[in-house]
Amino acid sequence: MKKKVILTVMLAGLYVLNGCTNLSENVLDEASASGLSDRQAADGIIAPVYARLPDIFLHTNYFALQEISTDEAILPYRGGTDWGDNGIYLAMHQHTHTSTDPNLRNTWNLILQGVSRSITAINTLPTLNDPVSKTYLAEARGMRAYYSLLTLDLFGLVFVKDDLGENSTILRGEQAVEYIKNELLAVEPNLETAVGPGRLTKGAVWGLLARLYLNAAVYRDRYAAQFTFKPEDMDKVVEYTDKIINSGQYQLSRDYFSIFNSDNNTNKELIFAVDQRADLNGHNRMAYFSLSGDQFPLPAYPNANGTDGPGITPDYYRTWVNAYAPNDPSVDPRFYKQNLSIYTNPADSCVAEANFNINRGILRGQQYGLIRRNGVFLKCADGKYKVAKLFHDTRNRPTQAVDFTEQIDFTVAGSNYNTGYRVEKYEFSKKSVSGRNFGEADIIILRLADVYMMRAEAKLRKSGDAASALADVNLVRAARTATTPPPALTSMSLDLLYRERGFEFYWEMLRRTDMVRFGKYEDKWTEKTNSDRMKRIFPIPQTAIDGASNLPGYLKQNDSY
């Protein structure tokens, strides 16, 4: 959806620049000055509403909050030189983060800018006469509700504002849940059914409503010793997931990893996603974040490599081992996809460029790949690319193998460049010159497998309907027929469903929300012992508190921060 942005949006003062809540903007409408049609003006007004999503979903923003704070991802101070960042990733993992954490501040700012731009669109679109304005108005209002769902989930509050000249009203708990619910219900009739995963549709709103109702018990009573999941909420989860499933508009992908390929914009499992095609935004770094700095996925670009970022914790890895023992976890096609053979002799260590693709999923042990010397890749006599065991040459440790170990922690040994199994779930873009650009894979916000899993959970929580829940979970497992699907489960419980969500959605920025809802967020795992319930939500950034200081009592810091 290419759009020429025709609005210049001026974010006013500390309230927005520092991420606080006075969302007033000065809108300079250039439509009349440039002679643009109402349709062109409408296109330009709706574009900024979505434009902050790629930045929100940057690997160091929403991903860090939702994954590194959990048992799935850990990011140590690599080699004592990389990813130190004043200890913010250590603190995030250990739940000792503070209100000055820059990743928290950036995520807050970007989400509230999305709210602000939505409000601008809500106030401007009604002045245009093109019929598309009605749909765009619904999308803008729905996106404001989605951004509000993010602030509620992450920070425990929602900002409500319609008039650009007014201060926002702050809602928490039941009031916040009701506000988001009513906003989504209000826009659903005016949304389209099929405009692609990069825009808000009826299906996306149904899914967001299901997600809201599923987590409503958490949002109403954030620090409860045990959450009360109301039967009527679970009925609503079933109602809205049924709508999506019965629409016939979406289908589960046969190939699990194709869901995360660079061309996933057309994958029918996606319901709502961040449009990342290269001619639009295309700069996500999900594929490069976990790879070694000595893994080079693209023969065409010798400067495109990984960064030795987060690995998975042994605790999370062991959930796979325990589920499939005595078999290796790779019997589950979601765990690993072998694209690159392990080369053991010179006769089969030469690979044509067109045939070179790195492995996907959870990467363990010795890694093989392209060998770079003096900035170029080695080639065989026949012109093909040399593939061999990888060593940490870029780290000036040429004798240390890129041999990923299960153990990873914050000790000196556990923070080495080879520690921790790595995740290559999203495809490394074939166009990425550096690994840090042109990430075309759409970042998934909601997909059909989650719909089935939410329905299964709602049935379990309401009535203990294990048979229906088991059927939904096994349907998702059996759908991955491009390879041998994982064996069917024979029983179902909340603990098994939680484990299954961990298998299906790892690295998809759902883990923290899941852990809180399932009562697991206060558990112990690698390098994390903090059991404070108050850490279920993050602190409001200090810059926001400071920015609101001229309104006494307006913005209160969350408890324990």
Protein backbone atom coordinates (compact mmCIF):
# COMPACT_ATOMS: atom_id res chain seq x y z
CA MET A 1 0.00 0.00 0.00
CA LYS A 2 2.20 2.81 -1.25
CA LYS A 3 1.08 6.22 -0.11
CA LYS A 4 2.50 9.68 -0.43
CA VAL A 5 2.15 11.25 2.99
CA ILE A 6 0.56 14.65 2.48
CA LEU A 7 0.34 15.73 6.07
CA THR A 8 3.08 17.34 8.05
CA VAL A 9 2.42 16.31 11.64
CA MET A 10 3.99 18.47 14.28
CA LEU A 11 4.31 16.78 17.67
CA ALA A 12 4.04 19.39 20.36
CA GLY A 13 6.34 19.78 23.33
CA LEU A 14 7.47 17.34 25.94
CA TYR A 15 4.06 15.73 26.18
CA VAL A 16 4.56 13.86 22.94
CA LEU A 17 8.24 14.14 22.20
CA ASN A 18 8.97 12.62 25.58
CA GLY A 19 6.10 10.20 25.27
CA CYS A 20 3.54 11.75 27.59
CA THR A 21 -0.14 12.13 27.03
CA ASN A 22 -1.01 15.54 25.62
CA LEU A 23 -1.51 14.23 22.11
CA SER A 24 -2.25 17.56 20.48
CA GLU A 25 -0.80 18.06 17.01
CA ASN A 26 -0.74 20.89 14.55
CA VAL A 27 -1.90 19.47 11.23
CA LEU A 28 -0.89 21.28 8.08
CA ASP A 29 -3.28 20.01 5.42
CA GLU A 30 -1.53 20.38 2.08
CA ALA A 31 -4.41 19.00 0.00
CA SER A 32 -5.83 22.37 -1.02
CA ALA A 33 -2.40 23.86 -1.68
CA SER A 34 -1.27 21.04 -3.96
CA GLY A 35 -4.53 20.36 -5.73
CA LEU A 36 -4.81 16.77 -4.56
CA SER A 37 -8.11 14.93 -4.77
CA ASP A 38 -10.03 13.90 -1.68
CA ARG A 39 -8.99 10.30 -2.32
CA GLN A 40 -5.34 11.26 -2.45
CA ALA A 41 -5.78 13.31 0.69
CA ALA A 42 -7.46 10.39 2.46
CA ASP A 43 -4.61 8.06 1.45
CA GLY A 44 -2.12 10.52 2.88
CA ILE A 45 -4.05 10.90 6.13
CA ILE A 46 -4.37 7.17 6.87
CA ALA A 47 -0.72 6.36 6.05
CA PRO A 48 0.76 7.92 9.24
CA VAL A 49 -1.70 5.92 11.36
CA TYR A 50 0.16 2.73 10.42
CA ALA A 51 3.59 4.24 9.93
CA ARG A 52 4.84 3.76 13.50
CA LEU A 53 4.19 0.00 13.55
CA PRO A 54 7.56 -0.98 11.99
CA ASP A 55 9.37 1.07 14.64
CA ILE A 56 7.29 -0.30 17.50
CA PHE A 57 8.12 -3.82 16.36
CA LEU A 58 11.83 -3.13 16.03
CA HIS A 59 13.89 -5.83 17.71
CA THR A 60 15.02 -3.56 20.55
CA ASN A 61 11.59 -2.12 21.28
CA TYR A 62 8.48 -4.28 21.59
CA PHE A 63 10.46 -7.48 21.06
CA ALA A 64 12.74 -6.70 23.99
CA LEU A 65 9.80 -6.02 26.27
CA GLN A 66 7.81 -9.07 25.26
CA GLU A 67 10.60 -11.64 24.85
CA ILE A 68 13.74 -10.69 26.74
CA SER A 69 11.64 -10.18 29.87
CA THR A 70 10.61 -13.86 29.66
CA ASP A 71 12.00 -17.38 29.79
CA GLU A 72 12.29 -17.53 25.99
CA ALA A 73 15.04 -15.00 25.33
CA ILE A 74 18.15 -13.87 27.15
CA LEU A 75 20.74 -11.33 25.98
CA PRO A 76 23.99 -11.39 27.95
CA TYR A 77 26.89 -8.95 27.71
CA ARG A 78 28.48 -10.75 24.76
CA GLY A 79 32.19 -11.26 25.23
CA GLY A 80 32.25 -8.31 27.61
CA THR A 81 32.10 -5.94 24.64
CA ASP A 82 28.73 -6.29 22.87
CA TRP A 83 25.15 -5.65 23.96
CA GLY A 84 26.24 -4.23 27.31
CA ASP A 85 24.06 -1.12 26.89
CA ASN A 86 24.44 -0.13 30.54
CA GLY A 87 22.87 -3.39 31.64
CA ILE A 88 19.37 -2.74 30.28
CA TYR A 89 19.01 -6.21 28.73
CA LEU A 90 20.24 -7.90 31.89
CA ALA A 91 17.77 -5.87 33.93
CA MET A 92 14.89 -6.56 31.54
CA HIS A 93 15.47 -10.28 31.82
CA GLN A 94 15.83 -10.19 35.61
CA HIS A 95 12.82 -7.88 36.11
CA THR A 96 14.95 -5.17 37.68
CA HIS A 97 14.33 -2.62 34.89
CA THR A 98 13.65 1.00 35.80
CA SER A 99 11.70 3.94 34.43
CA THR A 100 14.81 5.25 32.65
CA ASP A 101 15.19 2.19 30.40
CA PRO A 102 15.57 3.62 26.86
CA ASN A 103 13.82 0.69 25.18
CA LEU A 104 10.79 1.24 27.40
CA ARG A 105 10.87 4.95 26.63
CA ASN A 106 11.16 4.36 22.88
CA THR A 107 8.32 1.85 22.84
CA TRP A 108 6.10 4.17 24.87
CA ASN A 109 6.86 7.13 22.62
CA LEU A 110 6.18 5.24 19.42
CA ILE A 111 2.90 3.75 20.61
CA LEU A 112 1.65 7.15 21.78
CA GLN A 113 2.68 8.69 18.50
CA GLY A 114 0.52 6.04 16.85
CA VAL A 115 -2.36 7.10 19.10
CA SER A 116 -1.71 10.74 18.24
CA ARG A 117 -1.69 10.12 14.50
CA SER A 118 -4.88 8.08 14.79
CA ILE A 119 -6.61 10.99 16.51
CA THR A 120 -5.39 13.35 13.78
CA ALA A 121 -6.91 11.06 11.15
CA ILE A 122 -10.16 10.67 13.12
CA ASN A 123 -10.56 14.45 13.17
CA THR A 124 -9.52 15.06 9.56
CA LEU A 125 -11.07 12.25 7.50
CA PRO A 126 -14.70 13.37 8.04
CA THR A 127 -13.90 16.58 6.16
CA LEU A 128 -13.26 14.62 2.94
CA ASN A 129 -15.97 13.51 0.52
CA ASP A 130 -14.41 10.42 -1.03
CA PRO A 131 -16.27 7.20 -0.08
CA VAL A 132 -13.04 5.58 1.13
CA SER A 133 -12.95 8.06 4.00
CA LYS A 134 -15.58 6.03 5.86
CA THR A 135 -13.41 2.92 5.79
CA TYR A 136 -10.27 4.84 6.65
CA LEU A 137 -12.05 6.51 9.57
CA ALA A 138 -12.94 3.08 10.93
CA GLU A 139 -9.34 1.94 10.48
CA ALA A 140 -7.97 5.00 12.27
CA ARG A 141 -10.34 4.56 15.19
CA GLY A 142 -9.61 0.83 15.30
CA MET A 143 -5.88 1.46 15.27
CA ARG A 144 -6.28 3.87 18.16
CA ALA A 145 -7.95 1.01 20.02
CA TYR A 146 -5.11 -1.35 19.07
CA TYR A 147 -2.47 1.09 20.30
CA SER A 148 -4.53 1.47 23.48
CA LEU A 149 -4.50 -2.31 23.90
CA LEU A 150 -0.70 -2.16 23.77
CA THR A 151 -0.47 0.54 26.43
CA LEU A 152 -2.92 -1.38 28.62
CA ASP A 153 -1.00 -4.62 28.29
CA LEU A 154 2.46 -3.09 28.75
CA PHE A 155 1.86 -0.18 31.11
CA GLY A 156 -1.57 -0.80 32.63
CA LEU A 157 -3.34 2.31 31.34
CA VAL A 158 -5.17 3.81 28.39
CA PHE A 159 -5.35 7.42 27.21
CA VAL A 160 -8.73 8.59 25.91
CA LYS A 161 -8.99 11.68 23.78
CA ASP A 162 -11.09 12.84 20.83
CA ASP A 163 -10.58 16.59 20.71
CA LEU A 164 -7.06 17.58 19.68
CA GLY A 165 -7.13 20.54 22.02
CA GLU A 166 -7.87 18.60 25.20
CA ASN A 167 -5.77 16.62 27.62
CA SER A 168 -6.29 12.87 27.63
CA THR A 169 -8.33 11.07 30.25
CA ILE A 170 -6.48 8.13 31.81
CA LEU A 171 -8.33 4.83 32.23
CA ARG A 172 -7.22 1.68 34.02
CA GLY A 173 -8.71 -1.70 34.83
CA GLU A 174 -12.34 -2.40 33.92
CA GLN A 175 -12.85 1.08 32.42
CA ALA A 176 -9.91 0.58 30.07
CA VAL A 177 -11.16 -2.85 28.97
CA GLU A 178 -14.65 -1.46 28.28
CA TYR A 179 -13.26 1.48 26.32
CA ILE A 180 -11.17 -0.69 23.99
CA LYS A 181 -14.02 -3.18 23.56
CA ASN A 182 -16.52 -0.48 22.65
CA GLU A 183 -14.13 1.17 20.20
CA LEU A 184 -13.47 -2.10 18.37
CA LEU A 185 -17.17 -2.94 18.25
CA ALA A 186 -17.98 0.52 16.91
CA VAL A 187 -15.62 0.27 13.93
CA GLU A 188 -16.17 -3.35 12.93
CA PRO A 189 -19.22 -2.71 10.68
CA ASN A 190 -17.34 -0.18 8.55
CA LEU A 191 -14.15 -2.18 8.01
CA GLU A 192 -13.37 -4.19 4.90
CA THR A 193 -13.01 -7.95 4.96
CA ALA A 194 -10.00 -8.28 2.65
CA VAL A 195 -7.45 -5.49 2.26
CA GLY A 196 -4.32 -7.48 3.13
CA PRO A 197 -2.69 -8.21 6.47
CA GLY A 198 -1.06 -4.79 6.66
CA ARG A 199 -4.35 -3.00 7.35
CA LEU A 200 -7.08 -3.39 9.92
CA THR A 201 -9.97 -5.60 8.75
CA LYS A 202 -13.06 -7.20 10.25
CA GLY A 203 -11.06 -10.36 10.89
CA ALA A 204 -8.32 -8.41 12.65
CA VAL A 205 -10.86 -6.69 14.90
CA TRP A 206 -12.51 -10.02 15.75
CA GLY A 207 -9.08 -11.35 16.69
CA LEU A 208 -8.23 -8.32 18.80
CA LEU A 209 -11.57 -8.61 20.58
CA ALA A 210 -10.85 -12.26 21.31
CA ARG A 211 -7.42 -11.33 22.65
CA LEU A 212 -8.91 -8.56 24.79
CA TYR A 213 -11.54 -10.84 26.32
CA LEU A 214 -8.99 -13.61 26.91
CA ASN A 215 -6.75 -11.24 28.87
CA ALA A 216 -9.52 -9.20 30.48
CA ALA A 217 -9.12 -10.97 33.84
CA VAL A 218 -5.49 -9.79 33.92
CA TYR A 219 -6.31 -6.25 32.87
CA ARG A 220 -9.09 -5.87 35.46
CA ASP A 221 -7.02 -7.05 38.43
CA ARG A 222 -3.39 -6.79 37.44
CA TYR A 223 -1.78 -7.98 40.66
CA ALA A 224 -4.25 -10.72 41.63
CA ALA A 225 -2.90 -13.85 43.29
CA GLN A 226 -5.16 -15.77 40.93
CA PHE A 227 -7.04 -14.36 37.95
CA THR A 228 -10.80 -14.77 37.62
CA PHE A 229 -11.69 -15.63 34.04
CA LYS A 230 -15.38 -14.83 33.67
CA PRO A 231 -17.46 -17.39 31.75
CA GLU A 232 -19.06 -14.61 29.71
CA ASP A 233 -15.60 -13.39 28.65
CA MET A 234 -14.66 -16.87 27.52
CA ASP A 235 -17.92 -17.10 25.57
CA LYS A 236 -16.92 -13.93 23.74
CA VAL A 237 -13.51 -15.39 22.93
CA VAL A 238 -15.25 -18.39 21.37
CA GLU A 239 -17.72 -16.13 19.55
CA TYR A 240 -15.06 -14.02 17.86
CA THR A 241 -12.67 -16.86 17.11
CA ASP A 242 -15.59 -18.75 15.56
CA LYS A 243 -16.28 -15.73 13.34
CA ILE A 244 -12.72 -15.83 12.01
CA ILE A 245 -12.63 -19.58 11.52
CA ASN A 246 -16.08 -19.78 9.95
CA SER A 247 -15.37 -16.91 7.57
CA GLY A 248 -13.23 -19.26 5.48
CA GLN A 249 -11.02 -16.31 4.66
CA TYR A 250 -7.89 -17.63 6.36
CA GLN A 251 -6.11 -20.97 6.33
CA LEU A 252 -3.31 -22.62 8.25
CA SER A 253 -0.04 -22.83 6.35
CA ARG A 254 1.25 -26.26 5.35
CA ASP A 255 4.83 -25.05 5.73
CA TYR A 256 5.40 -23.57 9.19
CA PHE A 257 8.43 -21.47 8.28
CA SER A 258 6.79 -20.05 5.16
CA ILE A 259 4.65 -18.06 7.59
CA PHE A 260 7.82 -16.05 8.31
CA ASN A 261 9.28 -15.86 4.79
CA SER A 262 10.02 -12.59 3.05
CA ASP A 263 6.95 -13.09 0.84
CA ASN A 264 4.59 -13.83 3.74
CA ASN A 265 2.45 -10.82 2.78
CA THR A 266 0.35 -13.27 0.76
CA ASN A 267 0.31 -16.07 3.33
CA LYS A 268 -3.32 -16.85 4.17
CA GLU A 269 -2.56 -17.64 7.80
CA LEU A 270 -1.83 -13.97 8.52
CA ILE A 271 -4.78 -11.94 9.79
CA PHE A 272 -3.05 -8.75 10.94
CA ALA A 273 0.61 -7.87 10.46
CA VAL A 274 3.08 -5.05 10.05
CA ASP A 275 3.49 -4.56 6.32
CA GLN A 276 7.23 -4.77 5.70
CA ARG A 277 7.55 -5.27 1.95
CA ALA A 278 10.76 -3.70 0.75
CA ASP A 279 9.04 -1.05 -1.36
CA LEU A 280 7.21 0.13 1.75
CA ASN A 281 9.07 -0.11 5.05
CA GLY A 282 11.17 -3.26 4.86
CA HIS A 283 13.64 -2.65 7.65
CA ASN A 284 12.89 -5.17 10.37
CA ARG A 285 15.93 -6.88 11.90
CA MET A 286 14.27 -9.98 13.28
CA ALA A 287 16.39 -12.35 11.18
CA TYR A 288 19.76 -10.84 12.06
CA PHE A 289 19.22 -10.28 15.79
CA SER A 290 20.07 -13.75 17.08
CA LEU A 291 22.55 -14.98 14.44
CA SER A 292 26.28 -15.08 15.00
CA GLY A 293 28.40 -12.27 13.67
CA ASP A 294 30.17 -14.97 11.67
CA GLN A 295 27.05 -16.27 9.99
CA PHE A 296 26.68 -14.74 6.54
CA PRO A 297 23.37 -15.76 4.96
CA LEU A 298 23.79 -14.08 1.56
CA PRO A 299 26.52 -14.87 -0.99
CA ALA A 300 25.75 -11.58 -2.75
CA TYR A 301 26.44 -9.45 0.33
CA PRO A 302 29.60 -10.17 2.35
CA ASN A 303 28.70 -7.44 4.86
CA ALA A 304 25.35 -8.98 5.79
CA ASN A 305 25.74 -10.99 8.99
CA GLY A 306 24.26 -11.52 12.41
CA THR A 307 24.99 -9.65 15.62
CA ASP A 308 25.29 -12.33 18.33
CA GLY A 309 22.21 -11.04 20.10
CA PRO A 310 19.76 -13.05 22.21
CA GLY A 311 19.69 -16.80 22.60
CA ILE A 312 17.00 -18.98 24.11
CA THR A 313 17.25 -20.00 27.75
CA PRO A 314 18.00 -23.61 28.70
CA ASP A 315 14.69 -23.56 30.57
CA TYR A 316 12.72 -22.91 27.41
CA TYR A 317 14.79 -25.36 25.37
CA ARG A 318 14.13 -28.08 27.94
CA THR A 319 10.38 -27.74 27.40
CA TRP A 320 10.99 -29.09 23.89
CA VAL A 321 13.29 -31.85 25.10
CA ASN A 322 10.91 -32.97 27.80
CA ALA A 323 7.96 -32.97 25.42
CA TYR A 324 9.57 -35.21 22.81
CA ALA A 325 12.03 -37.41 24.72
CA PRO A 326 13.50 -39.84 23.84
CA ASN A 327 13.25 -38.31 20.35
CA ASP A 328 15.04 -35.12 19.38
CA PRO A 329 12.83 -31.99 19.37
CA SER A 330 13.45 -31.63 15.63
CA VAL A 331 10.70 -34.21 15.07
CA ASP A 332 8.46 -31.17 15.41
CA PRO A 333 8.76 -29.17 12.15
CA ARG A 334 8.28 -25.91 14.08
CA PHE A 335 11.53 -26.47 15.92
CA TYR A 336 13.95 -26.61 13.01
CA LYS A 337 14.18 -26.59 9.23
CA GLN A 338 17.32 -27.92 7.58
CA ASN A 339 18.21 -25.91 4.48
CA LEU A 340 21.98 -26.24 4.53
CA SER A 341 23.56 -29.67 4.67
CA ILE A 342 26.36 -30.23 7.17
CA TYR A 343 29.40 -30.54 4.95
CA THR A 344 32.09 -32.95 6.09
CA ASN A 345 34.41 -33.39 3.11
CA PRO A 346 35.78 -31.28 0.24
CA ALA A 347 33.70 -33.12 -2.35
CA ASP A 348 30.41 -31.69 -1.14
CA SER A 349 31.48 -28.36 0.36
CA CYS A 350 30.94 -26.24 -2.75
CA VAL A 351 27.51 -24.72 -3.17
CA ALA A 352 25.99 -22.67 -5.97
CA GLU A 353 24.71 -19.28 -4.92
CA ALA A 354 21.13 -20.16 -5.86
CA ASN A 355 21.23 -23.22 -3.58
CA PHE A 356 22.60 -21.51 -0.50
CA ASN A 357 20.04 -20.92 2.24
CA ILE A 358 20.72 -20.90 5.96
CA ASN A 359 18.82 -23.13 8.36
CA ARG A 360 15.72 -21.90 10.16
CA GLY A 361 14.25 -22.32 13.59
CA ILE A 362 16.31 -23.12 16.67
CA LEU A 363 19.99 -23.48 15.75
CA ARG A 364 22.19 -25.74 17.89
CA GLY A 365 25.79 -26.90 17.88
CA GLN A 366 28.43 -26.38 15.23
CA GLN A 367 27.35 -24.02 12.48
CA TYR A 368 28.42 -24.24 8.86
CA GLY A 369 28.33 -21.53 6.24
CA LEU A 370 30.15 -19.15 3.92
CA ILE A 371 33.77 -18.45 4.79
CA ARG A 372 34.82 -14.81 4.52
CA ARG A 373 38.43 -13.74 4.21
CA ASN A 374 39.53 -10.13 3.74
CA GLY A 375 35.97 -9.07 3.07
CA VAL A 376 35.15 -11.63 0.37
CA PHE A 377 33.78 -15.16 0.40
CA LEU A 378 36.01 -18.06 -0.54
CA LYS A 379 35.11 -19.94 -3.69
CA CYS A 380 35.86 -23.38 -5.01
CA ALA A 381 37.65 -24.04 -8.31
CA ASP A 382 34.31 -24.39 -10.09
CA GLY A 383 33.20 -20.93 -8.96
CA LYS A 384 30.77 -22.17 -6.34
CA TYR A 385 30.92 -20.89 -2.80
CA LYS A 386 33.02 -22.64 -0.19
CA VAL A 387 31.03 -23.88 2.80
CA ALA A 388 32.75 -25.13 5.95
CA LYS A 389 32.76 -24.95 9.74
CA LEU A 390 32.41 -21.43 11.03
CA PHE A 391 34.75 -19.77 13.53
CA HIS A 392 34.53 -16.39 15.25
CA ASP A 393 36.78 -14.64 12.75
CA THR A 394 34.93 -11.32 12.91
CA ARG A 395 35.46 -11.32 16.69
CA ASN A 396 39.20 -11.88 16.25
CA ARG A 397 38.83 -15.34 17.78
CA PRO A 398 39.63 -17.53 14.80
CA THR A 399 40.14 -20.66 16.89
CA GLN A 400 36.78 -20.46 18.66
CA ALA A 401 34.11 -22.33 16.72
CA VAL A 402 30.63 -20.98 16.10
CA ASP A 403 29.31 -23.87 18.13
CA PHE A 404 26.11 -22.85 19.89
CA THR A 405 25.79 -24.33 23.36
CA GLU A 406 22.67 -24.94 25.41
CA GLN A 407 24.13 -23.11 28.39
CA ILE A 408 23.85 -19.35 28.41
CA ASP A 409 23.81 -16.99 31.38
CA PHE A 410 25.34 -13.78 32.70
CA THR A 411 28.65 -15.28 33.83
CA VAL A 412 31.77 -14.57 31.80
CA ALA A 413 31.71 -18.08 30.35
CA GLY A 414 27.96 -18.00 29.76
CA SER A 415 28.18 -14.67 27.95
CA ASN A 416 30.64 -15.79 25.31
CA TYR A 417 29.86 -15.38 21.63
CA ASN A 418 28.99 -19.03 21.15
CA THR A 419 26.62 -19.44 24.09
CA GLY A 420 22.93 -20.11 23.74
CA TYR A 421 20.93 -21.77 21.02
CA ARG A 422 19.86 -19.18 18.48
CA VAL A 423 16.60 -18.46 16.69
CA GLU A 424 16.27 -17.86 12.95
CA LYS A 425 12.50 -17.83 12.59
CA TYR A 426 11.98 -14.93 10.19
CA GLU A 427 13.72 -15.30 6.84
CA PHE A 428 16.88 -13.31 6.29
CA SER A 429 16.05 -10.92 3.45
CA LYS A 430 17.78 -11.70 0.16
CA LYS A 431 18.08 -7.95 -0.41
CA SER A 432 19.74 -7.04 2.88
CA VAL A 433 23.10 -5.45 2.20
CA SER A 434 24.03 -5.35 5.88
CA GLY A 435 21.53 -7.56 7.69
CA ARG A 436 20.21 -4.40 9.27
CA ASN A 437 18.05 -3.29 6.34
CA PHE A 438 15.44 -4.59 3.92
CA GLY A 439 13.77 -7.07 6.22
CA GLU A 440 10.70 -7.66 4.07
CA ALA A 441 8.92 -10.32 6.12
CA ASP A 442 5.72 -8.93 7.59
CA ILE A 443 5.92 -8.92 11.39
CA ILE A 444 2.94 -10.93 12.58
CA ILE A 445 0.51 -9.40 15.04
CA LEU A 446 -2.22 -12.04 14.67
CA ARG A 447 -2.45 -15.28 12.73
CA LEU A 448 -4.95 -18.12 12.43
CA ALA A 449 -3.07 -20.57 14.66
CA ASP A 450 -3.46 -18.10 17.53
CA VAL A 451 -7.19 -17.99 16.86
CA TYR A 452 -7.49 -21.75 17.31
CA MET A 453 -5.30 -21.63 20.41
CA MET A 454 -7.35 -18.82 21.94
CA ARG A 455 -10.54 -20.75 21.33
CA ALA A 456 -9.02 -23.85 22.93
CA GLU A 457 -7.94 -21.85 25.97
CA ALA A 458 -11.34 -20.23 26.40
CA LYS A 459 -13.09 -23.60 26.35
CA LEU A 460 -10.65 -24.98 28.90
CA ARG A 461 -11.00 -22.01 31.20
CA LYS A 462 -14.78 -21.85 31.07
CA SER A 463 -15.84 -25.47 31.34
CA GLY A 464 -12.76 -27.66 31.22
CA ASP A 465 -13.75 -28.83 27.73
CA ALA A 466 -10.49 -30.67 27.13
CA ALA A 467 -11.82 -32.63 24.16
CA SER A 468 -12.65 -29.51 22.12
CA ALA A 469 -9.41 -27.81 23.14
CA LEU A 470 -7.42 -30.89 22.15
CA ALA A 471 -9.12 -30.97 18.77
CA ASP A 472 -8.20 -27.33 18.07
CA VAL A 473 -4.57 -27.79 19.10
CA ASN A 474 -4.17 -31.00 17.11
CA LEU A 475 -5.75 -29.35 14.08
CA VAL A 476 -2.98 -26.73 14.13
CA ARG A 477 -0.28 -29.36 14.62
CA ALA A 478 -1.62 -31.57 11.83
CA ALA A 479 -1.80 -28.68 9.36
CA ARG A 480 1.99 -28.49 8.92
CA THR A 481 2.09 -31.16 6.22
CA ALA A 482 4.92 -29.76 4.07
CA THR A 483 7.06 -32.02 6.24
CA THR A 484 6.02 -34.73 8.66
CA PRO A 485 3.78 -32.95 11.18
CA PRO A 486 4.38 -33.41 14.90
CA PRO A 487 2.57 -36.36 16.47
CA ALA A 488 -0.94 -35.68 17.72
CA LEU A 489 -1.36 -34.96 21.41
CA THR A 490 -3.54 -37.36 23.39
CA SER A 491 -4.62 -35.07 26.23
CA MET A 492 -5.03 -31.38 26.96
CA SER A 493 -4.79 -29.14 30.01
CA LEU A 494 -3.92 -25.52 30.65
CA ASP A 495 -0.29 -26.45 31.33
CA LEU A 496 -0.08 -28.41 28.08
CA LEU A 497 -1.73 -25.56 26.19
CA TYR A 498 0.76 -23.09 27.66
CA ARG A 499 3.59 -25.36 26.51
CA GLU A 500 2.03 -25.64 23.08
CA ARG A 501 1.74 -21.88 22.74
CA GLY A 502 5.44 -21.71 23.54
CA PHE A 503 6.17 -24.12 20.68
CA GLU A 504 3.91 -22.44 18.15
CA PHE A 505 4.57 -18.76 18.89
CA TYR A 506 8.17 -18.53 20.13
CA TRP A 507 9.90 -15.28 19.18
CA GLU A 508 6.54 -13.75 18.09
CA MET A 509 6.27 -11.28 20.96
CA LEU A 510 3.42 -13.04 22.75
CA ARG A 511 5.39 -14.71 25.54
CA ARG A 512 5.21 -12.08 28.28
CA THR A 513 1.46 -11.66 27.87
CA ASP A 514 1.03 -15.44 27.90
CA MET A 515 3.23 -15.90 30.95
CA VAL A 516 1.27 -13.33 32.94
CA ARG A 517 -2.09 -14.83 31.96
CA PHE A 518 -1.00 -18.38 32.80
CA GLY A 519 0.51 -17.33 36.13
CA LYS A 520 4.11 -18.10 35.08
CA TYR A 521 5.68 -14.64 35.05
CA GLU A 522 6.80 -14.78 38.67
CA ASP A 523 8.52 -18.15 38.16
CA LYS A 524 12.29 -18.64 38.25
CA TRP A 525 14.33 -19.26 35.13
CA THR A 526 17.88 -18.72 33.89
CA GLU A 527 19.30 -15.66 35.70
CA LYS A 528 15.83 -14.58 36.91
CA THR A 529 14.57 -15.05 40.48
CA ASN A 530 12.40 -11.95 40.95
CA SER A 531 8.85 -12.96 41.93
CA ASP A 532 7.37 -9.48 42.38
CA ARG A 533 3.82 -9.37 40.97
CA MET A 534 4.21 -5.64 40.39
CA LYS A 535 6.56 -6.40 37.51
CA ARG A 536 3.64 -7.71 35.46
CA ILE A 537 3.51 -4.24 33.96
CA PHE A 538 6.36 -1.93 33.08
CA PRO A 539 7.14 1.47 34.59
CA ILE A 540 5.89 4.57 32.88
CA PRO A 541 9.01 6.20 31.40
CA GLN A 542 10.44 8.91 33.62
CA THR A 543 10.44 11.36 30.73
CA ALA A 544 6.64 10.99 30.56
CA ILE A 545 6.28 11.53 34.31
CA ASP A 546 8.48 14.61 34.06
CA GLY A 547 6.56 15.92 31.05
CA ALA A 548 3.30 15.76 32.97
CA SER A 549 4.71 17.42 36.10
CA ASN A 550 2.75 20.63 35.47
CA LEU A 551 -0.47 18.64 36.00
CA PRO A 552 -0.21 17.40 39.62
CA GLY A 553 -1.62 13.90 40.10
CA TYR A 554 -2.33 13.43 36.40
CA LEU A 555 0.17 10.67 35.57
CA LYS A 556 0.97 8.36 38.48
CA GLN A 557 3.90 5.96 38.28
CA ASN A 558 3.03 2.27 38.42
CA ASP A 559 3.52 0.61 41.79
CA SER A 560 7.00 -0.67 42.75
CA TYR A 561 8.83 1.65 40.34
